[in-house]
Structures are given as C-alpha cells and as structure tokens.
C-alpha cells in the first residue's frame, strides 16, 4: 500500500486515464469505465506500480529485511476447530 507524502499532489478517479487520453487525441473517443473492474483495469494498465508485487511477492523489498523474514510471509490460517 502506498500513501502519498503530504508534499505529493495525487488525484485519481475512475475515468481519469481515459479522459486524459481523449484530451491528447480528440479522435480517440475512449469510453470511461462503467464499473469497478473496468476502472481498476484502466488504472493498472496506465500505472502498473499500483499492483504492489501482487504477481511476484517474493521480490517485495520487505522480504530482504532480516527481522521481517517469515514474519508475514508464508503464514497459513489455523483450523478454527
């Protein structure tokens, strides 16, 4: 999870990427997302860093910190019984 610093100006809303693409090329006529999945797909394709090591968690920088090794990674749920 990434929280912007107070000095960073971050603005995002569904359709921001498609709206900016339409401003760059008025003939593009890219539709705004109509549901959450389309909005997430749009933002992930525009800015892939937002995936936060979802596909390769072993490459996450926290894995190289010795005091965190095996603290959160590899945890399995215990039986409730």
C-alpha atoms as a PDB file:
ATOM      1  CA  UNK A   1       0.000   0.000   0.000  1.00  0.00           C
ATOM      2  CA  UNK A   2       1.367   3.385  -0.959  1.00  0.00           C
ATOM      3  CA  UNK A   3       0.351   6.530   0.860  1.00  0.00           C
ATOM      4  CA  UNK A   4       1.415   9.746  -0.837  1.00  0.00           C
ATOM      5  CA  UNK A   5       3.567  12.200   1.104  1.00  0.00           C
ATOM      6  CA  UNK A   6       1.982  15.466   2.142  1.00  0.00           C
ATOM      7  CA  UNK A   7       4.076  17.218  -0.498  1.00  0.00           C
ATOM      8  CA  UNK A   8       2.742  14.999  -3.306  1.00  0.00           C
ATOM      9  CA  UNK A   9      -0.366  16.009  -5.157  1.00  0.00           C
ATOM     10  CA  UNK A  10      -2.284  12.906  -6.135  1.00  0.00           C
ATOM     11  CA  UNK A  11      -5.598  12.932  -7.917  1.00  0.00           C
ATOM     12  CA  UNK A  12      -7.300   9.820  -9.201  1.00  0.00           C
ATOM     13  CA  UNK A  13     -10.852   8.984 -10.070  1.00  0.00           C
ATOM     14  CA  UNK A  14     -12.416   6.391 -12.379  1.00  0.00           C
ATOM     15  CA  UNK A  15     -12.019   7.548 -15.955  1.00  0.00           C
ATOM     16  CA  UNK A  16      -9.072   9.858 -15.342  1.00  0.00           C
ATOM     17  CA  UNK A  17      -6.789   7.934 -17.709  1.00  0.00           C
ATOM     18  CA  UNK A  18      -9.389   7.654 -20.472  1.00  0.00           C
ATOM     19  CA  UNK A  19     -10.261  11.334 -20.116  1.00  0.00           C
ATOM     20  CA  UNK A  20      -6.611  12.346 -20.410  1.00  0.00           C
ATOM     21  CA  UNK A  21      -6.165  10.078 -23.441  1.00  0.00           C
ATOM     22  CA  UNK A  22      -9.164  11.729 -25.111  1.00  0.00           C
ATOM     23  CA  UNK A  23      -7.687  15.176 -24.429  1.00  0.00           C
ATOM     24  CA  UNK A  24      -4.380  14.145 -26.032  1.00  0.00           C
ATOM     25  CA  UNK A  25      -6.151  12.670 -29.074  1.00  0.00           C
ATOM     26  CA  UNK A  26      -9.690  14.023 -29.623  1.00  0.00           C
ATOM     27  CA  UNK A  27     -10.376  11.366 -32.278  1.00  0.00           C
ATOM     28  CA  UNK A  28      -9.715   8.507 -29.856  1.00  0.00           C
ATOM     29  CA  UNK A  29     -13.180   8.522 -28.199  1.00  0.00           C
ATOM     30  CA  UNK A  30     -12.036   6.237 -25.363  1.00  0.00           C
ATOM     31  CA  UNK A  31     -15.004   5.425 -23.146  1.00  0.00           C
ATOM     32  CA  UNK A  32     -14.885   5.949 -19.395  1.00  0.00           C
ATOM     33  CA  UNK A  33     -15.092   2.793 -17.248  1.00  0.00           C
ATOM     34  CA  UNK A  34     -18.618   1.706 -16.405  1.00  0.00           C
ATOM     35  CA  UNK A  35     -17.839  -0.466 -13.377  1.00  0.00           C
ATOM     36  CA  UNK A  36     -15.155  -1.030 -10.757  1.00  0.00           C
ATOM     37  CA  UNK A  37     -13.365  -3.819 -12.647  1.00  0.00           C
ATOM     38  CA  UNK A  38     -13.011  -1.661 -15.743  1.00  0.00           C
ATOM     39  CA  UNK A  39     -11.720   1.232 -13.627  1.00  0.00           C
ATOM     40  CA  UNK A  40      -9.144  -0.998 -11.910  1.00  0.00           C
ATOM     41  CA  UNK A  41      -8.069  -2.480 -15.239  1.00  0.00           C
ATOM     42  CA  UNK A  42      -7.650   1.016 -16.657  1.00  0.00           C
ATOM     43  CA  UNK A  43      -5.574   2.311 -13.766  1.00  0.00           C
ATOM     44  CA  UNK A  44      -3.413  -0.841 -13.657  1.00  0.00           C
ATOM     45  CA  UNK A  45      -2.640  -0.551 -17.361  1.00  0.00           C
ATOM     46  CA  UNK A  46      -1.798   3.155 -17.020  1.00  0.00           C
ATOM     47  CA  UNK A  47       0.247   2.859 -13.839  1.00  0.00           C
ATOM     48  CA  UNK A  48       1.388  -0.741 -13.185  1.00  0.00           C
ATOM     49  CA  UNK A  49       3.285   0.084  -9.969  1.00  0.00           C
ATOM     50  CA  UNK A  50      -0.075   0.001  -8.196  1.00  0.00           C
ATOM     51  CA  UNK A  51      -0.008  -3.809  -8.332  1.00  0.00           C
ATOM     52  CA  UNK A  52       2.462  -3.816  -5.407  1.00  0.00           C
ATOM     53  CA  UNK A  53       4.236  -7.090  -6.166  1.00  0.00           C
ATOM     54  CA  UNK A  54       0.911  -8.936  -6.469  1.00  0.00           C
ATOM     55  CA  UNK A  55       2.299 -11.319  -9.095  1.00  0.00           C
ATOM     56  CA  UNK A  56       5.759 -11.754  -7.534  1.00  0.00           C
ATOM     57  CA  UNK A  57       5.509 -11.312  -3.753  1.00  0.00           C
ATOM     58  CA  UNK A  58       8.929 -12.916  -3.249  1.00  0.00           C
ATOM     59  CA  UNK A  59      10.518  -9.862  -4.930  1.00  0.00           C
ATOM     60  CA  UNK A  60       8.935  -7.418  -2.462  1.00  0.00           C
ATOM     61  CA  UNK A  61      11.629  -5.285  -0.758  1.00  0.00           C
ATOM     62  CA  UNK A  62      10.353  -6.302   2.701  1.00  0.00           C
ATOM     63  CA  UNK A  63      11.491  -9.880   2.028  1.00  0.00           C
ATOM     64  CA  UNK A  64      15.118  -8.733   2.248  1.00  0.00           C
ATOM     65  CA  UNK A  65      14.748  -7.268   5.765  1.00  0.00           C
ATOM     66  CA  UNK A  66      16.042  -9.904   8.150  1.00  0.00           C
ATOM     67  CA  UNK A  67      13.792  -9.009  11.090  1.00  0.00           C
ATOM     68  CA  UNK A  68      10.717  -9.383   8.876  1.00  0.00           C
ATOM     69  CA  UNK A  69      11.731 -12.678   7.301  1.00  0.00           C
ATOM     70  CA  UNK A  70       8.906 -15.197   7.764  1.00  0.00           C
ATOM     71  CA  UNK A  71       7.001 -12.738   9.954  1.00  0.00           C
ATOM     72  CA  UNK A  72       4.200 -12.075   7.474  1.00  0.00           C
ATOM     73  CA  UNK A  73       5.116 -14.249   4.519  1.00  0.00           C
ATOM     74  CA  UNK A  74       4.141 -17.901   4.451  1.00  0.00           C
ATOM     75  CA  UNK A  75       1.544 -17.542   7.202  1.00  0.00           C
ATOM     76  CA  UNK A  76      -1.174 -20.163   6.970  1.00  0.00           C
ATOM     77  CA  UNK A  77      -4.567 -19.998   8.644  1.00  0.00           C
ATOM     78  CA  UNK A  78      -5.094 -22.355  11.565  1.00  0.00           C
ATOM     79  CA  UNK A  79      -8.161 -24.568  11.846  1.00  0.00           C
ATOM     80  CA  UNK A  80     -10.946 -22.881  13.790  1.00  0.00           C
ATOM     81  CA  UNK A  81     -11.927 -26.185  15.459  1.00  0.00           C
END
